[in-house]
Amino acid sequence: MKSEEAARKLGVEAASLSPAPAAPRFAQTWARMQQEPPCSACGRPSRTSSVIHDPDHGSRWLDRCRECFLATPPTLQVPPGRFLEELRDVAAEVGLRAVLYTDEDDWQTS
């Protein structure tokens, strides 16, 4: 799910969020996460930060605690099967043994 959809599902209003860069660099997002701002939905310490783009309020930080993040998981940009293939390839490149289980083609290991 996209960050804007996550904010809607969690009942978070863009007006209540802190201003954010339109396209933050990874270092900016990482720095924000290290600060552990309160979760935008429930107020617990956040574990992840992303940016939503609201037409009325501009770019805003959406900070989520573990529970709120798990309730609104991000959408993979690639199909799960392809993601696992790429993960398996990267693990092999760096010399790690990866055991990946899927239900797409029965149980497979590598």
C-alpha atoms as a PDB file:
ATOM      1  CA  MET A   1       0.000   0.000   0.000  1.00  0.00           C
ATOM      2  CA  LYS A   2       1.254   3.464  -0.814  1.00  0.00           C
ATOM      3  CA  SER A   3       1.990   5.903   1.999  1.00  0.00           C
ATOM      4  CA  GLU A   4      -1.045   8.070   1.124  1.00  0.00           C
ATOM      5  CA  GLU A   5      -3.292   4.991   1.352  1.00  0.00           C
ATOM      6  CA  ALA A   6      -1.667   4.015   4.659  1.00  0.00           C
ATOM      7  CA  ALA A   7      -2.356   7.466   6.096  1.00  0.00           C
ATOM      8  CA  ARG A   8      -6.025   7.216   5.065  1.00  0.00           C
ATOM      9  CA  LYS A   9      -6.377   3.712   6.514  1.00  0.00           C
ATOM     10  CA  LEU A  10      -4.824   4.850   9.793  1.00  0.00           C
ATOM     11  CA  GLY A  11      -7.054   7.953   9.918  1.00  0.00           C
ATOM     12  CA  VAL A  12      -4.124  10.376   9.756  1.00  0.00           C
ATOM     13  CA  GLU A  13      -4.820  13.882   8.439  1.00  0.00           C
ATOM     14  CA  ALA A  14      -2.051  15.461   6.337  1.00  0.00           C
ATOM     15  CA  ALA A  15      -2.521  18.781   8.142  1.00  0.00           C
ATOM     16  CA  SER A  16      -1.352  17.171  11.391  1.00  0.00           C
ATOM     17  CA  LEU A  17       1.937  15.912   9.900  1.00  0.00           C
ATOM     18  CA  SER A  18       5.325  17.636   9.825  1.00  0.00           C
ATOM     19  CA  PRO A  19       6.491  19.159   6.528  1.00  0.00           C
ATOM     20  CA  ALA A  20       8.882  16.935   4.568  1.00  0.00           C
ATOM     21  CA  PRO A  21      11.090  17.239   1.491  1.00  0.00           C
ATOM     22  CA  ALA A  22       9.248  16.271  -1.700  1.00  0.00           C
ATOM     23  CA  ALA A  23      11.796  13.566  -2.512  1.00  0.00           C
ATOM     24  CA  PRO A  24      13.938  12.916   0.565  1.00  0.00           C
ATOM     25  CA  ARG A  25      17.284  11.214   0.128  1.00  0.00           C
ATOM     26  CA  PHE A  26      17.742   7.947   1.980  1.00  0.00           C
ATOM     27  CA  ALA A  27      20.029   9.710   4.470  1.00  0.00           C
ATOM     28  CA  GLN A  28      17.249  12.185   5.334  1.00  0.00           C
ATOM     29  CA  THR A  29      14.714   9.417   5.906  1.00  0.00           C
ATOM     30  CA  TRP A  30      17.231   7.396   7.920  1.00  0.00           C
ATOM     31  CA  ALA A  31      18.063  10.422  10.088  1.00  0.00           C
ATOM     32  CA  ARG A  32      14.367  10.947  10.807  1.00  0.00           C
ATOM     33  CA  MET A  33      13.877   7.298  11.702  1.00  0.00           C
ATOM     34  CA  GLN A  34      16.817   7.479  14.133  1.00  0.00           C
ATOM     35  CA  GLN A  35      14.994  10.276  15.990  1.00  0.00           C
ATOM     36  CA  GLU A  36      12.023   7.917  16.550  1.00  0.00           C
ATOM     37  CA  PRO A  37       9.333  10.584  16.273  1.00  0.00           C
ATOM     38  CA  PRO A  38       5.900   9.591  17.591  1.00  0.00           C
ATOM     39  CA  CYS A  39       3.804   7.404  15.317  1.00  0.00           C
ATOM     40  CA  SER A  40       1.512   9.623  13.250  1.00  0.00           C
ATOM     41  CA  ALA A  41      -1.439   7.371  14.057  1.00  0.00           C
ATOM     42  CA  CYS A  42      -1.059   6.220  17.664  1.00  0.00           C
ATOM     43  CA  GLY A  43       1.784   8.207  19.244  1.00  0.00           C
ATOM     44  CA  ARG A  44       4.085   5.281  20.109  1.00  0.00           C
ATOM     45  CA  PRO A  45       7.755   5.616  19.050  1.00  0.00           C
ATOM     46  CA  SER A  46       7.960   5.162  15.293  1.00  0.00           C
ATOM     47  CA  ARG A  47      10.123   2.609  13.522  1.00  0.00           C
ATOM     48  CA  THR A  48       9.683   3.800   9.947  1.00  0.00           C
ATOM     49  CA  SER A  49       9.185   7.078   8.122  1.00  0.00           C
ATOM     50  CA  SER A  50       7.920   7.874   4.649  1.00  0.00           C
ATOM     51  CA  VAL A  51       6.539  10.891   2.817  1.00  0.00           C
ATOM     52  CA  ILE A  52       2.997  11.483   1.656  1.00  0.00           C
ATOM     53  CA  HIS A  53       2.123  14.066  -0.968  1.00  0.00           C
ATOM     54  CA  ASP A  54      -1.074  15.934  -0.207  1.00  0.00           C
ATOM     55  CA  PRO A  55      -2.486  18.410  -2.744  1.00  0.00           C
ATOM     56  CA  ASP A  56      -3.515  20.867  -0.026  1.00  0.00           C
ATOM     57  CA  HIS A  57      -0.602  20.541   2.404  1.00  0.00           C
ATOM     58  CA  GLY A  58       2.341  19.438   0.256  1.00  0.00           C
ATOM     59  CA  SER A  59       4.854  16.788   1.285  1.00  0.00           C
ATOM     60  CA  ARG A  60       4.494  15.514   4.848  1.00  0.00           C
ATOM     61  CA  TRP A  61       6.276  12.925   6.984  1.00  0.00           C
ATOM     62  CA  LEU A  62       4.241   9.811   7.832  1.00  0.00           C
ATOM     63  CA  ASP A  63       5.874   8.072  10.786  1.00  0.00           C
ATOM     64  CA  ARG A  64       4.625   4.630  11.816  1.00  0.00           C
ATOM     65  CA  CYS A  65       5.297   2.379  14.780  1.00  0.00           C
ATOM     66  CA  ARG A  66       5.774  -1.332  14.205  1.00  0.00           C
ATOM     67  CA  GLU A  67       2.100  -2.185  14.699  1.00  0.00           C
ATOM     68  CA  CYS A  68       0.800   0.581  12.424  1.00  0.00           C
ATOM     69  CA  PHE A  69       3.390  -0.304   9.775  1.00  0.00           C
ATOM     70  CA  LEU A  70       2.358  -3.968   9.857  1.00  0.00           C
ATOM     71  CA  ALA A  71      -1.296  -2.910   9.550  1.00  0.00           C
ATOM     72  CA  THR A  72      -0.430  -0.989   6.365  1.00  0.00           C
ATOM     73  CA  PRO A  73       2.322  -2.969   4.576  1.00  0.00           C
ATOM     74  CA  PRO A  74       4.020  -1.397   1.555  1.00  0.00           C
ATOM     75  CA  THR A  75       3.226  -2.640  -1.933  1.00  0.00           C
ATOM     76  CA  LEU A  76       6.059  -4.496  -3.626  1.00  0.00           C
ATOM     77  CA  GLN A  77       7.130  -2.889  -6.889  1.00  0.00           C
ATOM     78  CA  VAL A  78       7.752  -6.327  -8.440  1.00  0.00           C
ATOM     79  CA  PRO A  79       5.806  -9.614  -8.258  1.00  0.00           C
ATOM     80  CA  PRO A  80       6.723 -11.687  -5.178  1.00  0.00           C
ATOM     81  CA  GLY A  81       8.212 -14.509  -7.284  1.00  0.00           C
ATOM     82  CA  ARG A  82      10.579 -12.117  -9.052  1.00  0.00           C
ATOM     83  CA  PHE A  83      11.497 -10.459  -5.763  1.00  0.00           C
ATOM     84  CA  LEU A  84      12.477 -13.840  -4.300  1.00  0.00           C
ATOM     85  CA  GLU A  85      14.515 -14.693  -7.408  1.00  0.00           C
ATOM     86  CA  GLU A  86      16.416 -11.417  -7.092  1.00  0.00           C
ATOM     87  CA  LEU A  87      16.914 -11.959  -3.368  1.00  0.00           C
ATOM     88  CA  ARG A  88      18.266 -15.454  -4.054  1.00  0.00           C
ATOM     89  CA  ASP A  89      20.669 -14.055  -6.703  1.00  0.00           C
ATOM     90  CA  VAL A  90      21.956 -11.315  -4.399  1.00  0.00           C
ATOM     91  CA  ALA A  91      22.489 -13.813  -1.578  1.00  0.00           C
ATOM     92  CA  ALA A  92      24.497 -16.044  -3.927  1.00  0.00           C
ATOM     93  CA  GLU A  93      26.591 -13.078  -5.118  1.00  0.00           C
ATOM     94  CA  VAL A  94      27.683 -12.233  -1.580  1.00  0.00           C
ATOM     95  CA  GLY A  95      28.186 -15.859  -0.587  1.00  0.00           C
ATOM     96  CA  LEU A  96      25.198 -16.295   1.711  1.00  0.00           C
ATOM     97  CA  ARG A  97      23.142 -19.459   1.693  1.00  0.00           C
ATOM     98  CA  ALA A  98      19.487 -18.526   1.415  1.00  0.00           C
ATOM     99  CA  VAL A  99      16.578 -20.852   2.035  1.00  0.00           C
ATOM    100  CA  LEU A 100      13.463 -19.296   0.542  1.00  0.00           C
ATOM    101  CA  TYR A 101      10.036 -20.865   0.755  1.00  0.00           C
ATOM    102  CA  THR A 102       7.206 -19.982  -1.582  1.00  0.00           C
ATOM    103  CA  ASP A 103       3.847 -21.455  -2.421  1.00  0.00           C
ATOM    104  CA  GLU A 104       3.955 -20.417  -6.082  1.00  0.00           C
ATOM    105  CA  ASP A 105       5.853 -23.451  -7.419  1.00  0.00           C
ATOM    106  CA  ASP A 106       5.589 -25.757  -4.413  1.00  0.00           C
ATOM    107  CA  TRP A 107       8.394 -25.614  -1.841  1.00  0.00           C
ATOM    108  CA  GLN A 108      11.747 -24.561  -3.271  1.00  0.00           C
ATOM    109  CA  THR A 109      15.126 -24.086  -1.665  1.00  0.00           C
ATOM    110  CA  SER A 110      18.446 -22.818  -2.918  1.00  0.00           C
END
